[in-house]
């Protein structure tokens, strides 16, 4: 599936259950270890839930982009329109499909939409600083570490149960024009 170009579309209410399954499989539990984006060593519990995904689907300032190959949900990401920039998040690629270029294509599509459809000057995201390999992946795609840090939401089980006490997020930025 990685060797074919995915088709992109916006998520609908009907996609919520499949999206929750995809996002959870990419980040949590043993299934996530089939890919390289797992957070299973640093976080237990959920990564998202139906209410959180549904809120993204219905948020007028947000779009949840799906990547499908042969009619199968392969990846997703979220864009949120903010003041002068776009925020990138909720990025998940089916674990068995990671490492073959699909994630790069999804990220490029998100950047294209933010730049061409929203006229966003830059893309921003937050990444857990303990995820050095993931940060390096984004840096290779033109993102810059800002040093701007924010705390992990300890005590809010909606975002998982941390296995360590040093988790924090760093803002990464890429100029789009």
N, C-alpha and C. Protein backbone atom coordinates (compact mmCIF):
# COMPACT_ATOMS: atom_id res chain seq x y z
N UNK A 1 0.83 -1.20 0.00
CA UNK A 1 0.00 0.00 0.00
C UNK A 1 0.86 1.25 0.00
N UNK A 2 2.06 1.20 0.59
CA UNK A 2 2.92 2.38 0.61
C UNK A 2 3.41 2.76 -0.78
N UNK A 3 3.47 1.81 -1.70
CA UNK A 3 4.01 2.11 -3.01
C UNK A 3 3.00 2.82 -3.92
N UNK A 4 1.73 2.83 -3.54
CA UNK A 4 0.73 3.54 -4.33
C UNK A 4 0.45 4.88 -3.69
N UNK A 5 0.00 5.81 -4.51
CA UNK A 5 -0.36 7.11 -3.97
C UNK A 5 -1.72 7.03 -3.30
N UNK A 6 -1.82 7.53 -2.08
CA UNK A 6 -3.10 7.50 -1.40
C UNK A 6 -4.05 8.55 -1.98
N UNK A 7 -5.32 8.35 -1.73
CA UNK A 7 -6.29 9.38 -2.03
C UNK A 7 -6.62 10.05 -0.70
N UNK A 8 -6.88 11.35 -0.77
CA UNK A 8 -7.15 12.12 0.44
C UNK A 8 -8.58 12.60 0.43
N UNK A 9 -9.18 12.64 1.61
CA UNK A 9 -10.51 13.21 1.77
C UNK A 9 -10.66 13.67 3.22
N UNK A 10 -11.69 14.46 3.46
CA UNK A 10 -11.97 14.93 4.81
C UNK A 10 -12.79 13.88 5.57
N UNK A 11 -12.52 13.76 6.83
CA UNK A 11 -13.24 12.80 7.67
C UNK A 11 -14.68 13.26 7.88
N UNK A 12 -15.54 12.29 8.08
CA UNK A 12 -16.94 12.55 8.42
C UNK A 12 -17.26 11.84 9.73
N UNK A 13 -18.44 12.09 10.23
CA UNK A 13 -18.90 11.44 11.46
C UNK A 13 -18.78 9.91 11.35
N UNK A 14 -19.08 9.37 10.20
CA UNK A 14 -19.05 7.91 10.00
C UNK A 14 -17.64 7.33 10.14
N UNK A 15 -16.61 8.17 10.00
CA UNK A 15 -15.22 7.70 10.09
C UNK A 15 -14.70 7.62 11.52
N UNK A 16 -15.41 8.20 12.48
CA UNK A 16 -14.89 8.32 13.85
C UNK A 16 -14.43 6.98 14.43
N UNK A 17 -15.23 5.91 14.42
CA UNK A 17 -14.75 4.65 15.02
C UNK A 17 -13.46 4.12 14.38
N UNK A 18 -13.37 4.18 13.05
CA UNK A 18 -12.16 3.70 12.38
C UNK A 18 -10.96 4.60 12.69
N UNK A 19 -11.19 5.89 12.83
CA UNK A 19 -10.11 6.81 13.17
C UNK A 19 -9.57 6.54 14.57
N UNK A 20 -10.46 6.32 15.52
CA UNK A 20 -10.02 6.01 16.89
C UNK A 20 -9.15 4.75 16.87
N UNK A 21 -9.60 3.73 16.16
CA UNK A 21 -8.84 2.48 16.07
C UNK A 21 -7.47 2.72 15.44
N UNK A 22 -7.43 3.48 14.35
CA UNK A 22 -6.16 3.78 13.68
C UNK A 22 -5.21 4.53 14.61
N UNK A 23 -5.68 5.58 15.25
CA UNK A 23 -4.82 6.41 16.10
C UNK A 23 -4.30 5.59 17.28
N UNK A 24 -5.17 4.84 17.90
CA UNK A 24 -4.74 3.99 19.03
C UNK A 24 -3.69 2.98 18.58
N UNK A 25 -3.90 2.36 17.40
CA UNK A 25 -2.98 1.32 16.93
C UNK A 25 -1.61 1.88 16.60
N UNK A 26 -1.54 3.16 16.23
CA UNK A 26 -0.26 3.76 15.87
C UNK A 26 0.57 4.17 17.08
N UNK A 27 -0.07 4.35 18.23
CA UNK A 27 0.65 4.92 19.37
C UNK A 27 0.62 4.09 20.66
N UNK A 28 -0.37 3.28 20.86
CA UNK A 28 -0.52 2.63 22.16
C UNK A 28 -0.58 1.11 22.04
N UNK A 29 -0.14 0.46 23.10
CA UNK A 29 -0.25 -0.99 23.20
C UNK A 29 0.71 -1.75 22.32
N UNK A 30 0.63 -3.05 22.40
CA UNK A 30 1.54 -3.92 21.67
C UNK A 30 1.41 -3.78 20.16
N UNK A 31 0.20 -3.57 19.66
CA UNK A 31 0.01 -3.42 18.21
C UNK A 31 0.85 -2.27 17.66
N UNK A 32 1.02 -1.22 18.45
CA UNK A 32 1.77 -0.05 17.98
C UNK A 32 3.25 -0.36 17.77
N UNK A 33 3.75 -1.41 18.40
CA UNK A 33 5.18 -1.75 18.27
C UNK A 33 5.53 -2.26 16.88
N UNK A 34 4.53 -2.57 16.05
CA UNK A 34 4.80 -2.97 14.67
C UNK A 34 5.31 -1.80 13.84
N UNK A 35 5.06 -0.58 14.30
CA UNK A 35 5.55 0.61 13.62
C UNK A 35 6.60 1.29 14.48
N UNK A 36 7.13 2.39 14.00
CA UNK A 36 8.17 3.07 14.77
C UNK A 36 7.67 4.29 15.54
N UNK A 37 6.38 4.61 15.41
CA UNK A 37 5.84 5.79 16.11
C UNK A 37 5.25 5.47 17.47
N UNK A 38 5.40 4.26 17.94
CA UNK A 38 4.80 3.86 19.20
C UNK A 38 5.22 4.77 20.37
N UNK A 39 4.29 5.00 21.26
CA UNK A 39 4.57 5.69 22.51
C UNK A 39 4.42 4.72 23.68
N UNK A 40 4.35 3.42 23.37
CA UNK A 40 4.07 2.40 24.38
C UNK A 40 5.10 2.36 25.50
N UNK A 41 6.32 2.81 25.25
CA UNK A 41 7.34 2.79 26.29
C UNK A 41 7.25 3.98 27.23
N UNK A 42 6.53 5.02 26.82
CA UNK A 42 6.45 6.21 27.68
C UNK A 42 5.04 6.51 28.18
N UNK A 43 4.02 5.92 27.53
CA UNK A 43 2.64 6.20 27.91
C UNK A 43 1.78 4.93 27.83
N UNK A 44 0.91 4.76 28.81
CA UNK A 44 -0.13 3.74 28.78
C UNK A 44 -1.46 4.44 28.56
N UNK A 45 -2.52 3.65 28.49
CA UNK A 45 -3.85 4.24 28.39
C UNK A 45 -4.14 4.69 26.97
N UNK A 46 -5.13 5.53 26.84
CA UNK A 46 -5.61 5.94 25.53
C UNK A 46 -4.78 7.07 24.95
N UNK A 47 -4.82 7.17 23.63
CA UNK A 47 -4.22 8.30 22.90
C UNK A 47 -5.32 9.27 22.51
N UNK A 48 -6.52 8.71 22.27
CA UNK A 48 -7.68 9.53 21.91
C UNK A 48 -8.92 8.73 22.24
N UNK A 49 -10.08 9.32 22.02
CA UNK A 49 -11.34 8.61 22.22
C UNK A 49 -12.36 9.16 21.23
N UNK A 50 -13.50 8.49 21.10
CA UNK A 50 -14.49 8.94 20.11
C UNK A 50 -14.92 10.39 20.28
N UNK A 51 -15.07 10.86 21.51
CA UNK A 51 -15.49 12.26 21.71
C UNK A 51 -14.45 13.24 21.19
N UNK A 52 -13.18 12.94 21.44
CA UNK A 52 -12.11 13.83 20.98
C UNK A 52 -12.04 13.87 19.46
N UNK A 53 -12.15 12.71 18.82
CA UNK A 53 -12.10 12.66 17.36
C UNK A 53 -13.34 13.32 16.76
N UNK A 54 -14.49 13.07 17.34
CA UNK A 54 -15.72 13.68 16.85
C UNK A 54 -15.63 15.21 16.93
N UNK A 55 -15.05 15.73 18.01
CA UNK A 55 -14.89 17.18 18.15
C UNK A 55 -14.05 17.75 17.01
N UNK A 56 -13.00 17.02 16.60
CA UNK A 56 -12.18 17.48 15.48
C UNK A 56 -12.94 17.47 14.17
N UNK A 57 -13.75 16.44 13.97
CA UNK A 57 -14.53 16.32 12.74
C UNK A 57 -15.50 17.49 12.61
N UNK A 58 -16.05 17.95 13.72
CA UNK A 58 -17.09 18.99 13.67
C UNK A 58 -16.57 20.40 13.93
N UNK A 59 -15.30 20.57 14.25
CA UNK A 59 -14.73 21.89 14.53
C UNK A 59 -14.57 22.66 13.22
N UNK A 60 -15.23 23.83 13.07
CA UNK A 60 -15.14 24.57 11.81
C UNK A 60 -13.74 25.11 11.51
N UNK A 61 -12.88 25.22 12.51
CA UNK A 61 -11.51 25.71 12.30
C UNK A 61 -10.53 24.56 12.06
N UNK A 62 -11.06 23.36 11.98
CA UNK A 62 -10.21 22.18 11.89
C UNK A 62 -10.64 21.30 10.72
N UNK A 63 -9.71 20.52 10.23
CA UNK A 63 -10.05 19.48 9.26
C UNK A 63 -9.23 18.25 9.60
N UNK A 64 -9.88 17.11 9.50
CA UNK A 64 -9.24 15.83 9.74
C UNK A 64 -9.10 15.17 8.38
N UNK A 65 -7.87 15.05 7.92
CA UNK A 65 -7.58 14.54 6.58
C UNK A 65 -7.32 13.04 6.67
N UNK A 66 -8.01 12.28 5.82
CA UNK A 66 -7.80 10.83 5.75
C UNK A 66 -7.02 10.50 4.50
N UNK A 67 -6.14 9.52 4.62
CA UNK A 67 -5.43 8.96 3.47
C UNK A 67 -5.91 7.52 3.33
N UNK A 68 -6.44 7.22 2.15
CA UNK A 68 -6.94 5.88 1.88
C UNK A 68 -6.17 5.29 0.70
N UNK A 69 -5.99 4.00 0.75
CA UNK A 69 -5.40 3.27 -0.37
C UNK A 69 -6.29 2.06 -0.61
N UNK A 70 -6.75 1.93 -1.83
CA UNK A 70 -7.67 0.84 -2.19
C UNK A 70 -8.89 0.81 -1.27
N UNK A 71 -9.38 2.01 -0.90
CA UNK A 71 -10.57 2.12 -0.07
C UNK A 71 -10.37 1.82 1.40
N UNK A 72 -9.11 1.62 1.82
CA UNK A 72 -8.82 1.28 3.22
C UNK A 72 -8.15 2.48 3.89
N UNK A 73 -8.60 2.82 5.10
CA UNK A 73 -8.00 3.91 5.87
C UNK A 73 -6.57 3.53 6.22
N UNK A 74 -5.62 4.32 5.74
CA UNK A 74 -4.21 4.02 5.94
C UNK A 74 -3.52 5.02 6.88
N UNK A 75 -4.01 6.26 6.91
CA UNK A 75 -3.37 7.30 7.72
C UNK A 75 -4.34 8.46 7.90
N UNK A 76 -4.00 9.34 8.85
CA UNK A 76 -4.80 10.54 9.07
C UNK A 76 -3.92 11.62 9.68
N UNK A 77 -4.41 12.84 9.60
CA UNK A 77 -3.80 13.96 10.32
C UNK A 77 -4.85 15.04 10.47
N UNK A 78 -4.59 15.93 11.40
CA UNK A 78 -5.51 17.04 11.65
C UNK A 78 -4.79 18.35 11.37
N UNK A 79 -5.49 19.27 10.76
CA UNK A 79 -5.03 20.64 10.61
C UNK A 79 -6.00 21.53 11.36
N UNK A 80 -5.45 22.52 12.04
CA UNK A 80 -6.29 23.51 12.71
C UNK A 80 -5.84 24.89 12.26
N UNK A 81 -6.77 25.68 11.80
CA UNK A 81 -6.48 27.04 11.35
C UNK A 81 -6.35 27.95 12.56
N UNK A 82 -5.18 28.53 12.70
CA UNK A 82 -4.92 29.46 13.79
C UNK A 82 -4.47 30.78 13.20
N UNK A 83 -4.22 31.75 14.05
CA UNK A 83 -3.87 33.09 13.61
C UNK A 83 -2.54 33.09 12.85
N UNK A 84 -2.60 33.11 11.51
CA UNK A 84 -1.41 33.19 10.69
C UNK A 84 -0.66 31.90 10.46
N UNK A 85 -1.11 30.83 11.08
CA UNK A 85 -0.43 29.55 10.87
C UNK A 85 -1.44 28.41 10.97
N UNK A 86 -0.97 27.24 10.63
CA UNK A 86 -1.77 26.03 10.78
C UNK A 86 -1.10 25.15 11.83
N UNK A 87 -1.91 24.49 12.63
CA UNK A 87 -1.40 23.54 13.62
C UNK A 87 -1.62 22.14 13.07
N UNK A 88 -0.60 21.30 13.16
CA UNK A 88 -0.63 19.93 12.65
C UNK A 88 -0.64 18.98 13.84
N UNK A 89 -1.57 18.02 13.83
CA UNK A 89 -1.63 17.05 14.91
C UNK A 89 -2.43 15.82 14.51
N UNK A 90 -2.69 14.98 15.50
CA UNK A 90 -3.47 13.75 15.32
C UNK A 90 -2.98 12.99 14.08
N UNK A 91 -1.67 12.88 13.97
CA UNK A 91 -1.03 12.24 12.82
C UNK A 91 -0.83 10.77 13.14
N UNK A 92 -1.39 9.90 12.32
CA UNK A 92 -1.26 8.46 12.54
C UNK A 92 -1.19 7.73 11.21
N UNK A 93 -0.27 6.78 11.14
CA UNK A 93 -0.13 5.90 9.99
C UNK A 93 -0.26 4.48 10.52
N UNK A 94 -1.05 3.68 9.86
CA UNK A 94 -1.23 2.28 10.25
C UNK A 94 0.16 1.65 10.47
N UNK A 95 0.39 1.01 11.64
CA UNK A 95 1.74 0.53 11.98
C UNK A 95 2.41 -0.32 10.90
N UNK A 96 1.71 -1.23 10.27
CA UNK A 96 2.31 -2.07 9.24
C UNK A 96 2.69 -1.33 7.98
N UNK A 97 2.25 -0.08 7.85
CA UNK A 97 2.53 0.73 6.67
C UNK A 97 3.58 1.80 6.92
N UNK A 98 4.07 1.88 8.16
CA UNK A 98 5.06 2.90 8.48
C UNK A 98 6.41 2.55 7.88
N UNK A 99 7.15 3.58 7.52
CA UNK A 99 8.50 3.40 7.01
C UNK A 99 8.59 3.30 5.50
N UNK A 100 7.47 3.44 4.80
CA UNK A 100 7.49 3.31 3.34
C UNK A 100 7.17 4.57 2.59
N UNK A 101 7.08 5.70 3.26
CA UNK A 101 6.83 6.97 2.58
C UNK A 101 5.42 7.50 2.68
N UNK A 102 4.49 6.72 3.20
CA UNK A 102 3.12 7.19 3.31
C UNK A 102 3.02 8.40 4.23
N UNK A 103 3.68 8.37 5.36
CA UNK A 103 3.66 9.50 6.28
C UNK A 103 4.18 10.77 5.64
N UNK A 104 5.25 10.67 4.87
CA UNK A 104 5.78 11.84 4.15
C UNK A 104 4.74 12.42 3.21
N UNK A 105 4.00 11.54 2.53
CA UNK A 105 2.98 12.02 1.59
C UNK A 105 1.83 12.70 2.33
N UNK A 106 1.44 12.15 3.48
CA UNK A 106 0.36 12.76 4.26
C UNK A 106 0.80 14.13 4.77
N UNK A 107 2.01 14.21 5.31
CA UNK A 107 2.53 15.49 5.80
C UNK A 107 2.60 16.51 4.67
N UNK A 108 3.07 16.11 3.49
CA UNK A 108 3.15 17.02 2.34
C UNK A 108 1.76 17.51 1.93
N UNK A 109 0.77 16.62 1.97
CA UNK A 109 -0.60 17.04 1.63
C UNK A 109 -1.13 18.04 2.66
N UNK A 110 -0.85 17.80 3.93
CA UNK A 110 -1.29 18.73 4.97
C UNK A 110 -0.64 20.09 4.77
N UNK A 111 0.65 20.10 4.47
CA UNK A 111 1.34 21.37 4.22
C UNK A 111 0.76 22.07 3.00
N UNK A 112 0.47 21.32 1.95
CA UNK A 112 -0.12 21.90 0.75
C UNK A 112 -1.46 22.54 1.05
N UNK A 113 -2.32 21.82 1.77
CA UNK A 113 -3.63 22.37 2.09
C UNK A 113 -3.51 23.62 2.97
N UNK A 114 -2.65 23.58 3.96
CA UNK A 114 -2.48 24.73 4.85
C UNK A 114 -2.00 25.96 4.06
N UNK A 115 -1.05 25.75 3.19
CA UNK A 115 -0.47 26.84 2.39
C UNK A 115 -1.45 27.33 1.32
N UNK A 116 -1.96 26.40 0.51
CA UNK A 116 -2.74 26.77 -0.67
C UNK A 116 -4.20 27.09 -0.37
N UNK A 117 -4.79 26.44 0.60
CA UNK A 117 -6.21 26.64 0.88
C UNK A 117 -6.46 27.61 2.04
N UNK A 118 -5.51 27.68 2.98
CA UNK A 118 -5.68 28.58 4.11
C UNK A 118 -4.72 29.76 4.07
N UNK A 119 -3.79 29.77 3.13
CA UNK A 119 -2.78 30.81 3.04
C UNK A 119 -1.95 30.92 4.32
N UNK A 120 -1.71 29.78 4.96
CA UNK A 120 -0.92 29.76 6.20
C UNK A 120 0.55 29.98 5.86
N UNK A 121 1.19 30.84 6.62
CA UNK A 121 2.61 31.15 6.40
C UNK A 121 3.51 30.07 6.98
N UNK A 122 3.01 29.36 8.00
CA UNK A 122 3.82 28.31 8.61
C UNK A 122 2.95 27.24 9.22
N UNK A 123 3.58 26.09 9.43
CA UNK A 123 2.94 24.97 10.11
C UNK A 123 3.64 24.83 11.46
N UNK A 124 2.84 24.59 12.50
CA UNK A 124 3.38 24.36 13.83
C UNK A 124 2.82 23.04 14.35
N UNK A 125 3.58 22.45 15.25
CA UNK A 125 3.13 21.23 15.91
C UNK A 125 3.84 21.14 17.25
N UNK A 126 3.34 20.26 18.10
CA UNK A 126 4.04 19.95 19.34
C UNK A 126 4.35 18.46 19.36
N UNK A 127 5.56 18.14 19.81
CA UNK A 127 6.03 16.76 19.87
C UNK A 127 6.63 16.53 21.26
N UNK A 128 6.37 15.37 21.82
CA UNK A 128 6.96 15.01 23.12
C UNK A 128 8.47 14.97 22.95
N UNK A 129 9.20 15.71 23.77
CA UNK A 129 10.66 15.83 23.62
C UNK A 129 11.38 14.49 23.77
N UNK A 130 10.80 13.55 24.48
CA UNK A 130 11.41 12.23 24.64
C UNK A 130 11.41 11.44 23.33
N UNK A 131 10.65 11.90 22.36
CA UNK A 131 10.55 11.21 21.06
C UNK A 131 11.59 11.75 20.08
N UNK A 132 12.86 11.61 20.42
CA UNK A 132 13.96 12.16 19.62
C UNK A 132 13.94 11.66 18.17
N UNK A 133 13.63 10.38 17.96
CA UNK A 133 13.60 9.83 16.60
C UNK A 133 12.51 10.49 15.76
N UNK A 134 11.36 10.74 16.39
CA UNK A 134 10.27 11.40 15.69
C UNK A 134 10.62 12.86 15.39
N UNK A 135 11.19 13.55 16.36
CA UNK A 135 11.61 14.94 16.13
C UNK A 135 12.62 14.99 14.98
N UNK A 136 13.56 14.06 14.96
CA UNK A 136 14.55 14.01 13.88
C UNK A 136 13.87 13.81 12.52
N UNK A 137 12.82 13.00 12.48
CA UNK A 137 12.07 12.78 11.23
C UNK A 137 11.49 14.10 10.73
N UNK A 138 10.89 14.88 11.65
CA UNK A 138 10.32 16.17 11.25
C UNK A 138 11.41 17.15 10.83
N UNK A 139 12.53 17.17 11.53
CA UNK A 139 13.63 18.06 11.18
C UNK A 139 14.13 17.75 9.77
N UNK A 140 14.19 16.47 9.40
CA UNK A 140 14.60 16.11 8.04
C UNK A 140 13.60 16.61 7.00
N UNK A 141 12.41 16.93 7.42
CA UNK A 141 11.38 17.44 6.50
C UNK A 141 11.24 18.96 6.59
N UNK A 142 12.21 19.62 7.20
CA UNK A 142 12.25 21.07 7.20
C UNK A 142 11.72 21.75 8.44
N UNK A 143 11.31 21.00 9.45
CA UNK A 143 10.82 21.61 10.68
C UNK A 143 11.99 22.00 11.57
N UNK A 144 11.79 23.07 12.34
CA UNK A 144 12.83 23.60 13.20
C UNK A 144 12.37 23.49 14.66
N UNK A 145 13.28 23.02 15.48
CA UNK A 145 13.00 22.99 16.93
C UNK A 145 13.08 24.41 17.45
N UNK A 146 12.05 24.83 18.21
CA UNK A 146 12.01 26.21 18.70
C UNK A 146 12.55 26.36 20.11
N UNK A 147 12.61 25.27 20.86
CA UNK A 147 12.98 25.38 22.27
C UNK A 147 11.82 25.81 23.14
N UNK A 148 10.67 26.12 22.49
CA UNK A 148 9.46 26.51 23.24
C UNK A 148 8.82 25.24 23.80
N UNK A 149 8.78 25.13 25.11
CA UNK A 149 8.31 23.92 25.78
C UNK A 149 7.00 24.17 26.50
N UNK A 150 6.21 23.11 26.62
CA UNK A 150 4.98 23.16 27.42
C UNK A 150 4.86 21.83 28.15
N UNK A 151 4.21 21.84 29.30
CA UNK A 151 4.14 20.61 30.10
C UNK A 151 3.18 19.58 29.52
N UNK A 152 3.48 18.31 29.77
CA UNK A 152 2.56 17.24 29.44
C UNK A 152 1.38 17.33 30.40
N UNK A 153 0.15 17.02 29.96
CA UNK A 153 -1.02 17.14 30.85
C UNK A 153 -1.13 15.96 31.83
N UNK A 154 -0.17 15.90 32.77
CA UNK A 154 -0.21 14.86 33.79
C UNK A 154 -1.54 14.92 34.53
N UNK A 155 -2.09 13.76 34.82
CA UNK A 155 -3.35 13.68 35.56
C UNK A 155 -4.59 13.72 34.68
N UNK A 156 -4.42 13.95 33.38
CA UNK A 156 -5.55 13.95 32.46
C UNK A 156 -5.46 12.67 31.63
N UNK A 157 -6.17 11.64 32.07
CA UNK A 157 -6.09 10.33 31.44
C UNK A 157 -6.58 10.30 29.99
N UNK A 158 -7.23 11.38 29.54
CA UNK A 158 -7.65 11.44 28.13
C UNK A 158 -6.45 11.39 27.20
N UNK A 159 -5.28 11.77 27.70
CA UNK A 159 -4.07 11.82 26.87
C UNK A 159 -3.08 10.72 27.22
N UNK A 160 -3.50 9.79 28.07
CA UNK A 160 -2.64 8.68 28.44
C UNK A 160 -2.14 8.79 29.86
N UNK A 161 -1.58 7.68 30.31
CA UNK A 161 -0.99 7.61 31.65
C UNK A 161 0.53 7.50 31.51
N UNK A 162 1.24 8.57 31.85
CA UNK A 162 2.70 8.58 31.67
C UNK A 162 3.40 7.51 32.50
N UNK A 163 4.45 6.93 31.92
CA UNK A 163 5.29 5.96 32.60
C UNK A 163 6.54 6.61 33.17
N UNK A 164 6.70 7.91 32.91
CA UNK A 164 7.85 8.65 33.42
C UNK A 164 7.41 10.07 33.77
N UNK A 165 8.24 10.75 34.54
CA UNK A 165 7.83 12.06 35.06
C UNK A 165 8.52 13.24 34.38
N UNK A 166 9.15 13.00 33.24
CA UNK A 166 9.88 14.08 32.57
C UNK A 166 9.32 14.44 31.20
N UNK A 167 8.05 14.14 30.96
CA UNK A 167 7.48 14.39 29.64
C UNK A 167 7.08 15.85 29.48
N UNK A 168 7.39 16.39 28.31
CA UNK A 168 7.00 17.75 27.94
C UNK A 168 6.95 17.81 26.42
N UNK A 169 6.33 18.86 25.92
CA UNK A 169 6.19 19.06 24.49
C UNK A 169 7.10 20.19 24.03
N UNK A 170 7.58 20.08 22.79
CA UNK A 170 8.33 21.17 22.17
C UNK A 170 7.60 21.54 20.88
N UNK A 171 7.57 22.84 20.61
CA UNK A 171 6.96 23.34 19.38
C UNK A 171 7.98 23.23 18.25
N UNK A 172 7.55 22.64 17.13
CA UNK A 172 8.33 22.59 15.89
C UNK A 172 7.61 23.47 14.87
N UNK A 173 8.38 24.14 14.01
CA UNK A 173 7.81 25.08 13.05
C UNK A 173 8.46 24.90 11.69
N UNK A 174 7.65 25.03 10.64
CA UNK A 174 8.16 25.03 9.26
C UNK A 174 7.50 26.17 8.51
N UNK A 175 8.31 26.98 7.83
CA UNK A 175 7.78 28.03 6.97
C UNK A 175 7.19 27.37 5.73
N UNK A 176 5.98 27.79 5.35
CA UNK A 176 5.31 27.22 4.19
C UNK A 176 5.41 28.12 2.96
N UNK A 177 5.77 29.37 3.16
CA UNK A 177 5.93 30.30 2.03
C UNK A 177 6.90 31.39 2.42
